[in-house]
Amino acid sequence: MLSVLVIEDDKTINSLLCSIITKSGYSVDSAENGLDGLDKALSGDYNIVLMDLMLPLKTGEEVLKELRSVKSTPVIIISAKLEVYNRIELFRIGADDYITKPFDIDEVMLRIQAVLRRTEAQTSALLIFRDIKLDTGSKRVYVKGNEITCTATEYAILELMLKNPKTIFSKRRLYESVSGGTYLSDDNTMNVHISNLRKKIAKFTPEEYIETVYGMGYRLVN
C-alpha cells in the first residue's frame, strides 16, 4: 500500500486530508509541526509528503531543504502562502508540486496521483548519456559515479531527455509530459527545474549537458 505523510498544524485540515487520503486507499501518517514532520519524513518510508508552509517549530521551507539534502521523497506543498515568487522559490529548493488553500478535495487526490505516476516503480533499466547514468528501477541518478538527489519532477525531465537524446523539448512539451497538466504560457516552473538540474550536474563536472535552443526549448548536449 502506498503511504502518505501529512504535515499540517491545523487540526481540522490535517484530519480532513488524512480522511480523504485514507478513503482513496492510501496509508496515512501525520504530524502537526515541522520538527516532528521532518523526523518522520527522514525516518519513514513514505511515497509522498503533503506539507503546509506555516508550521510551528520548523517552517515548511526549512523542512523541505533539510529533507532534500538527504532524500528525494516527492513533496507537495499545500498552503495559502503561495504567491508566484514563493512558488518559484519552492521549486528551487525541491518541491514537486503545490496546492493553494482553500483547496478542492478532488484536486488534492489528482495532484497526489499525478506526482506518484512520475515516481512509480518501473522495470529497471540503465540509461546512459555521456557521464550521466540513470537507473529507472531505483530512480537514482549518477554523474561521473557521484549520486545526485533529484526531485520527482527533475528526475522525470532527465529520464525523458535521456530516452530522447536528440530531441529538442519545448517548455510546453516538458511540462505536459512530466506533469500531465495544461501548460500556461507564463509558467516559469520548467526553467526552474532545468536550472536545478544544471546546478546539480555542475557539482561534478564543468561540462554542459543541457543546452537552451533559442526560441525552441532544451536538449541534451551531444
Protein backbone atom coordinates (compact mmCIF):
# COMPACT_ATOMS: atom_id res chain seq x y z
CA MET A 1 0.00 0.00 0.00
CA LEU A 2 1.29 3.45 -0.88
CA SER A 3 1.93 5.68 2.12
CA VAL A 4 1.45 9.43 2.56
CA LEU A 5 2.77 11.75 5.27
CA VAL A 6 0.67 14.84 6.06
CA ILE A 7 2.43 17.70 7.88
CA GLU A 8 -0.19 20.30 8.84
CA ASP A 9 -0.62 22.19 12.12
CA ASP A 10 -4.31 22.99 11.62
CA LYS A 11 -6.00 20.00 13.26
CA THR A 12 -9.17 20.31 11.15
CA ILE A 13 -7.30 20.43 7.84
CA ASN A 14 -4.92 17.68 8.98
CA SER A 15 -7.84 15.44 9.86
CA LEU A 16 -9.64 16.23 6.58
CA LEU A 17 -6.58 15.41 4.46
CA CYS A 18 -5.92 12.18 6.34
CA SER A 19 -9.56 11.17 5.94
CA ILE A 20 -9.81 11.75 2.18
CA ILE A 21 -6.42 10.15 1.51
CA THR A 22 -7.33 7.07 3.60
CA LYS A 23 -10.67 6.73 1.77
CA SER A 24 -8.72 6.74 -1.51
CA GLY A 25 -6.86 3.61 -0.42
CA TYR A 26 -3.57 5.00 0.90
CA SER A 27 -1.85 4.51 4.23
CA VAL A 28 -1.56 7.85 6.06
CA ASP A 29 0.62 9.21 8.84
CA SER A 30 0.60 12.78 10.12
CA ALA A 31 2.47 15.40 12.11
CA GLU A 32 1.33 18.78 13.45
CA ASN A 33 4.64 20.66 13.49
CA GLY A 34 7.71 20.90 11.29
CA LEU A 35 10.09 19.24 13.74
CA ASP A 36 8.03 16.07 14.11
CA GLY A 37 7.23 16.13 10.40
CA LEU A 38 10.89 16.25 9.40
CA ASP A 39 11.74 13.45 11.83
CA LYS A 40 9.00 11.24 10.37
CA ALA A 41 9.91 12.12 6.77
CA LEU A 42 13.57 11.24 7.36
CA SER A 43 12.97 8.05 9.33
CA GLY A 44 9.91 6.72 7.49
CA ASP A 45 9.47 5.18 4.06
CA TYR A 46 6.76 7.38 2.54
CA ASN A 47 5.79 7.54 -1.13
CA ILE A 48 4.84 11.22 -0.88
CA VAL A 49 4.66 14.09 1.64
CA LEU A 50 1.93 16.78 1.79
CA MET A 51 3.08 19.78 3.78
CA ASP A 52 1.97 23.23 4.88
CA LEU A 53 4.47 26.11 4.90
CA MET A 54 3.40 27.94 8.06
CA LEU A 55 4.39 25.28 10.59
CA PRO A 56 5.46 25.66 14.25
CA LEU A 57 8.98 24.69 15.42
CA LYS A 58 10.25 24.39 11.82
CA THR A 59 8.81 26.09 8.76
CA GLY A 60 7.82 24.14 5.68
CA GLU A 61 10.70 25.72 3.75
CA GLU A 62 13.19 24.54 6.42
CA VAL A 63 11.71 21.03 6.43
CA LEU A 64 11.89 20.84 2.63
CA LYS A 65 15.52 22.00 2.48
CA GLU A 66 16.65 19.54 5.16
CA LEU A 67 14.68 16.67 3.64
CA ARG A 68 16.12 17.37 0.18
CA SER A 69 19.67 17.21 1.50
CA VAL A 70 19.08 13.56 2.37
CA LYS A 71 16.10 12.09 0.47
CA SER A 72 14.19 12.57 -2.78
CA THR A 73 10.72 11.73 -1.41
CA PRO A 74 8.16 13.66 -3.51
CA VAL A 75 6.72 16.71 -1.69
CA ILE A 76 3.52 18.62 -2.44
CA ILE A 77 3.15 21.95 -0.66
CA ILE A 78 -0.36 22.89 0.49
CA SER A 79 -0.51 26.48 1.68
CA ALA A 80 -2.29 29.81 1.43
CA LYS A 81 1.16 31.44 1.32
CA LEU A 82 1.78 30.88 -2.36
CA GLU A 83 2.39 33.95 -4.45
CA VAL A 84 4.29 33.47 -7.75
CA TYR A 85 7.63 34.27 -6.09
CA ASN A 86 7.05 31.73 -3.35
CA ARG A 87 6.11 29.00 -5.84
CA ILE A 88 9.26 29.54 -7.90
CA GLU A 89 11.42 29.52 -4.78
CA LEU A 90 9.76 26.30 -3.60
CA PHE A 91 10.62 24.60 -6.88
CA ARG A 92 14.20 25.81 -6.50
CA ILE A 93 14.56 24.15 -3.11
CA GLY A 94 12.91 20.91 -4.22
CA ALA A 95 9.09 20.95 -4.15
CA ASP A 96 7.41 18.71 -6.71
CA ASP A 97 4.02 20.45 -6.80
CA TYR A 98 1.83 22.87 -4.87
CA ILE A 99 -1.83 23.35 -3.97
CA THR A 100 -3.28 26.60 -2.66
CA LYS A 101 -5.72 26.88 0.23
CA PRO A 102 -8.64 26.69 0.24
CA PHE A 103 -8.30 23.51 -1.81
CA ASP A 104 -10.68 21.21 -3.63
CA ILE A 105 -10.67 17.64 -2.32
CA ASP A 106 -10.67 16.15 -5.82
CA GLU A 107 -7.74 18.34 -6.82
CA VAL A 108 -5.70 17.09 -3.87
CA MET A 109 -6.11 13.48 -4.93
CA LEU A 110 -5.45 14.27 -8.60
CA ARG A 111 -2.22 16.06 -7.67
CA ILE A 112 -1.10 13.17 -5.47
CA GLN A 113 -1.82 10.66 -8.23
CA ALA A 114 -0.01 12.78 -10.84
CA VAL A 115 3.16 13.02 -8.74
CA LEU A 116 3.04 9.33 -7.84
CA ARG A 117 2.70 8.39 -11.51
CA ARG A 118 6.01 10.12 -12.12
CA THR A 119 7.69 8.16 -9.37
CA GLU A 120 6.04 4.73 -9.51
CA ALA A 121 8.31 1.73 -9.83
CA GLN A 122 9.33 0.71 -13.32
CA THR A 123 11.24 -2.23 -14.76
CA SER A 124 14.87 -1.43 -14.03
CA ALA A 125 16.81 -0.08 -16.98
CA LEU A 126 20.03 1.88 -17.08
CA LEU A 127 20.02 4.97 -19.26
CA ILE A 128 23.49 6.30 -20.05
CA PHE A 129 24.35 9.61 -21.68
CA ARG A 130 28.00 10.64 -21.60
CA ASP A 131 28.85 10.68 -17.87
CA ILE A 132 25.24 10.58 -16.66
CA LYS A 133 23.73 7.26 -15.60
CA LEU A 134 20.06 6.97 -14.67
CA ASP A 135 18.59 3.80 -13.14
CA THR A 136 14.84 3.72 -13.84
CA GLY A 137 14.28 0.97 -11.30
CA SER A 138 15.93 2.55 -8.26
CA LYS A 139 15.25 6.11 -9.51
CA ARG A 140 18.88 7.02 -8.89
CA VAL A 141 20.96 9.40 -10.98
CA TYR A 142 24.76 9.47 -11.13
CA VAL A 143 27.14 11.99 -12.65
CA LYS A 144 30.69 10.63 -13.08
CA GLY A 145 29.85 8.00 -10.49
CA ASN A 146 28.52 10.51 -7.95
CA GLU A 147 24.86 10.25 -6.99
CA ILE A 148 22.77 13.41 -7.25
CA THR A 149 19.45 13.82 -5.44
CA CYS A 150 16.65 14.82 -7.82
CA THR A 151 13.07 15.76 -7.10
CA ALA A 152 10.40 13.65 -8.80
CA THR A 153 9.92 16.32 -11.46
CA GLU A 154 13.65 16.77 -12.08
CA TYR A 155 14.03 13.01 -12.39
CA ALA A 156 11.10 12.80 -14.84
CA ILE A 157 12.59 15.56 -17.01
CA LEU A 158 16.02 13.94 -17.08
CA GLU A 159 14.61 10.49 -17.82
CA LEU A 160 12.54 11.87 -20.71
CA MET A 161 15.55 13.65 -22.17
CA LEU A 162 17.87 10.66 -21.79
CA LYS A 163 15.35 8.47 -23.57
CA ASN A 164 15.25 11.00 -26.40
CA PRO A 165 18.81 12.42 -26.50
CA LYS A 166 18.48 14.14 -29.89
CA THR A 167 15.10 15.76 -29.27
CA ILE A 168 14.51 19.45 -28.56
CA PHE A 169 11.85 19.77 -25.85
CA SER A 170 9.78 22.93 -25.62
CA LYS A 171 8.73 24.10 -22.15
CA ARG A 172 5.16 23.17 -23.05
CA ARG A 173 6.10 19.62 -24.05
CA LEU A 174 8.26 19.11 -20.95
CA TYR A 175 5.56 20.44 -18.64
CA GLU A 176 2.73 18.41 -20.14
CA SER A 177 4.86 15.24 -20.42
CA VAL A 178 6.04 15.18 -16.82
CA SER A 179 3.07 16.74 -15.02
CA GLY A 180 0.10 15.70 -17.13
CA GLY A 181 -1.30 19.21 -16.65
CA THR A 182 -2.04 22.01 -19.08
CA TYR A 183 0.82 24.39 -19.76
CA LEU A 184 0.33 28.14 -19.30
CA SER A 185 2.46 30.43 -21.46
CA ASP A 186 3.70 32.47 -18.49
CA ASP A 187 4.60 29.43 -16.37
CA ASN A 188 8.26 29.55 -15.37
CA THR A 189 8.47 26.27 -13.49
CA MET A 190 10.26 24.32 -16.23
CA ASN A 191 13.01 26.94 -16.29
CA VAL A 192 13.46 26.43 -12.56
CA HIS A 193 13.62 22.63 -12.81
CA ILE A 194 16.13 22.80 -15.67
CA SER A 195 18.23 25.30 -13.70
CA ASN A 196 18.21 22.96 -10.68
CA LEU A 197 19.33 20.02 -12.82
CA ARG A 198 22.16 22.04 -14.36
CA LYS A 199 23.42 23.09 -10.92
CA LYS A 200 23.34 19.53 -9.58
CA ILE A 201 25.20 18.17 -12.62
CA ALA A 202 27.71 21.04 -12.47
CA LYS A 203 28.78 19.99 -8.96
CA PHE A 204 30.63 17.07 -10.51
CA THR A 205 31.57 18.26 -13.99
CA PRO A 206 32.21 21.61 -15.69
CA GLU A 207 30.86 20.25 -18.98
CA GLU A 208 27.47 21.37 -20.27
CA TYR A 209 24.77 18.70 -20.51
CA ILE A 210 21.52 20.60 -21.07
CA GLU A 211 21.54 23.48 -23.52
CA THR A 212 18.93 26.10 -24.34
CA VAL A 213 17.94 26.24 -28.00
CA TYR A 214 16.78 29.82 -28.51
CA GLY A 215 13.09 30.08 -29.31
CA MET A 216 12.61 26.30 -29.21
CA GLY A 217 13.42 24.78 -25.82
CA TYR A 218 16.01 22.46 -24.31
CA ARG A 219 18.07 19.48 -25.45
CA LEU A 220 20.99 17.39 -24.32
CA VAL A 221 24.44 18.44 -25.49
CA ASN A 222 25.86 15.58 -27.56
